[in-house]
Protein backbone atom coordinates (compact mmCIF):
# COMPACT_ATOMS: atom_id res chain seq x y z
CA MET A 1 15.28 -23.50 -33.91
CA HIS A 2 18.69 -21.92 -33.47
CA THR A 3 19.68 -18.52 -34.76
CA GLY A 4 23.14 -17.00 -34.74
CA ALA A 5 23.71 -14.80 -31.71
CA GLU A 6 25.29 -12.18 -33.98
CA SER A 7 21.90 -11.51 -35.61
CA LEU A 8 20.23 -10.86 -32.24
CA ILE A 9 20.30 -7.40 -30.75
CA VAL A 10 19.05 -5.94 -27.48
CA VAL A 11 16.81 -2.90 -27.83
CA ALA A 12 15.21 -0.49 -25.41
CA VAL A 13 11.49 -0.76 -26.15
CA GLY A 14 9.34 2.34 -26.25
CA PHE A 15 5.96 2.12 -24.56
CA ASP A 16 3.15 1.40 -27.04
CA SER A 17 5.61 0.81 -29.91
CA ASP A 18 5.40 -2.16 -32.27
CA PHE A 19 8.06 -3.95 -30.20
CA TYR A 20 6.05 -3.22 -27.03
CA ARG A 21 2.93 -4.77 -28.59
CA GLN A 22 4.99 -7.83 -29.60
CA CYS A 23 6.28 -8.06 -26.02
CA LEU A 24 2.70 -8.03 -24.73
CA LYS A 25 1.82 -10.91 -27.04
CA LEU A 26 4.93 -12.85 -25.98
CA ARG A 27 4.16 -12.31 -22.28
CA GLU A 28 0.58 -13.45 -22.89
CA ARG A 29 1.70 -16.61 -24.73
CA VAL A 30 4.55 -17.60 -22.39
CA LEU A 31 3.52 -16.30 -18.96
CA ARG A 32 -0.29 -16.27 -18.91
CA GLN A 33 -1.88 -18.71 -21.39
CA PRO A 34 -0.17 -21.80 -19.88
CA LEU A 35 -1.90 -20.86 -16.60
CA GLY A 36 -5.27 -20.35 -18.27
CA LEU A 37 -4.97 -16.60 -17.66
CA SER A 38 -4.78 -13.41 -19.71
CA LEU A 39 -2.82 -10.23 -19.15
CA SER A 40 -5.10 -7.74 -17.44
CA SER A 41 -5.06 -3.97 -17.22
CA ASP A 42 -3.73 -4.44 -13.66
CA ASP A 43 -0.77 -6.39 -15.10
CA THR A 44 0.11 -3.54 -17.45
CA ALA A 45 -0.81 -0.55 -15.25
CA GLY A 46 2.04 1.94 -14.99
CA GLU A 47 4.16 0.30 -17.68
CA GLU A 48 4.55 3.62 -19.47
CA GLN A 49 6.80 4.63 -16.54
CA GLN A 50 8.87 1.43 -16.55
CA TYR A 51 11.88 0.34 -18.59
CA HIS A 52 11.35 -2.27 -21.29
CA TYR A 53 14.03 -4.28 -23.09
CA ALA A 54 13.81 -6.94 -25.77
CA ILE A 55 16.07 -9.19 -27.76
CA VAL A 56 15.09 -8.99 -31.40
CA ASN A 57 15.99 -10.74 -34.61
CA GLY A 58 15.22 -8.16 -37.29
CA GLN A 59 11.70 -7.00 -36.44
CA GLN A 60 10.75 -10.06 -34.34
CA VAL A 61 10.85 -10.00 -30.53
CA LEU A 62 12.35 -13.22 -29.13
CA ALA A 63 12.62 -12.24 -25.45
CA CYS A 64 11.57 -9.37 -23.22
CA VAL A 65 11.86 -8.00 -19.69
CA ILE A 66 10.55 -5.03 -17.69
CA LEU A 67 12.29 -3.02 -14.96
CA GLN A 68 10.05 -1.28 -12.44
CA PRO A 69 11.61 1.25 -10.03
CA GLN A 70 10.49 0.73 -6.43
CA ASN A 71 12.42 3.58 -4.82
CA GLU A 72 15.78 5.33 -5.30
CA GLN A 73 17.70 2.20 -4.26
CA ILE A 74 15.64 -0.76 -5.48
CA ILE A 75 14.35 -1.75 -8.92
CA SER A 76 12.29 -4.85 -9.75
CA LEU A 77 12.73 -7.21 -12.68
CA ARG A 78 9.36 -8.44 -13.93
CA GLN A 79 7.58 -10.24 -16.74
CA MET A 80 10.65 -11.83 -18.34
CA ALA A 81 9.65 -14.07 -21.23
CA VAL A 82 11.56 -15.95 -23.93
CA GLU A 83 9.99 -17.55 -27.02
CA PRO A 84 9.86 -21.28 -26.20
CA GLU A 85 11.88 -22.35 -29.24
CA PHE A 86 14.70 -19.99 -28.16
CA GLN A 87 14.80 -21.00 -24.49
CA GLY A 88 18.07 -22.52 -23.31
CA GLN A 89 20.15 -20.44 -25.74
CA GLY A 90 21.28 -17.74 -23.30
CA LEU A 91 18.69 -15.08 -24.16
CA GLY A 92 17.30 -14.93 -20.62
CA GLN A 93 20.77 -14.61 -19.14
CA ARG A 94 21.59 -11.88 -21.64
CA LEU A 95 18.45 -9.94 -20.69
CA VAL A 96 19.22 -10.24 -16.97
CA ARG A 97 22.71 -8.82 -17.62
CA VAL A 98 21.19 -5.93 -19.58
CA ALA A 99 18.75 -5.31 -16.70
CA GLU A 100 21.61 -5.34 -14.18
CA ASN A 101 23.73 -2.97 -16.28
CA HIS A 102 20.82 -0.56 -16.79
CA SER A 103 19.98 -0.63 -13.08
CA ARG A 104 23.58 -0.13 -11.98
CA ALA A 105 24.09 2.76 -14.44
CA ALA A 106 20.88 4.40 -13.18
CA GLY A 107 22.21 4.27 -9.60
CA TYR A 108 20.10 1.44 -8.19
CA LYS A 109 21.74 -0.66 -5.47
CA GLN A 110 19.50 -3.74 -5.62
CA LEU A 111 17.61 -5.69 -8.26
CA GLN A 112 14.75 -7.80 -6.94
CA MET A 113 11.98 -9.97 -8.33
CA ASP A 114 9.08 -12.27 -7.57
CA ALA A 115 10.49 -15.33 -9.35
CA ARG A 116 8.55 -18.43 -10.24
CA CYS A 117 10.00 -21.25 -8.17
CA SER A 118 10.67 -23.14 -11.40
CA ALA A 119 13.06 -20.31 -12.39
CA GLU A 120 14.87 -20.20 -9.03
CA PRO A 121 17.87 -22.31 -10.23
CA PHE A 122 18.29 -20.02 -13.27
CA TYR A 123 18.50 -16.91 -11.09
CA LYS A 124 20.72 -18.59 -8.49
CA LYS A 125 23.28 -19.29 -11.25
CA LEU A 126 23.29 -15.52 -11.84
CA ASP A 127 24.04 -14.88 -8.13
CA TYR A 128 20.52 -14.00 -6.96
CA GLU A 129 19.57 -14.93 -3.41
CA THR A 130 16.20 -16.04 -2.13
CA GLU A 131 14.44 -14.11 0.60
CA GLY A 132 11.57 -15.32 2.74
CA GLU A 133 9.12 -18.13 2.13
CA ARG A 134 7.48 -19.36 -1.04
CA TYR A 135 4.05 -17.92 -1.81
CA LEU A 136 1.31 -18.21 -4.42
CA LYS A 137 0.99 -15.60 -7.15
CA VAL A 138 -1.19 -16.10 -10.25
CA GLY A 139 -1.82 -19.60 -8.92
CA ILE A 140 1.79 -20.82 -8.89
CA GLU A 141 4.61 -20.80 -6.34
CA HIS A 142 6.93 -17.82 -6.32
CA ILE A 143 9.90 -16.78 -4.20
CA LYS A 144 11.37 -13.31 -3.65
CA MET A 145 14.89 -13.06 -5.02
CA LYS A 146 17.38 -10.22 -4.96
CA LYS A 147 20.89 -9.23 -5.92
CA ARG A 148 23.03 -6.42 -4.61
CA LEU A 149 24.42 -4.42 -7.53
CA LYS A 150 28.06 -3.40 -7.27
């Protein structure tokens, strides 16, 4: 299913809003159910103090991402999910750019993440570098990735 990019907008998502609840459902469907898992209260702990963005078409969330401050210099990108039928259409790249712009404007110097190894090529195309060895998280291989923000 393809939708015109002009009808898609990026929104800042308020904690516990309708868009936030849609993001939770999308994260559950895309990031947890394929692994036989569910989002837990540990997964969502502290999210009221994090930054949430989504790409929406009208009132429907198609993609989402969370930014979690680590300290004054470093912020983490986490829980990025795109509706499967919209993957490969640039939504993920658009969300990463929004995350980078937000982080840069807020004064952060580095954006980091625990990326699934399957997503490593996607992030490398966006100039992220790997750091350290691969490790297991939620039962699948991950790698730390980071990008210096200029």
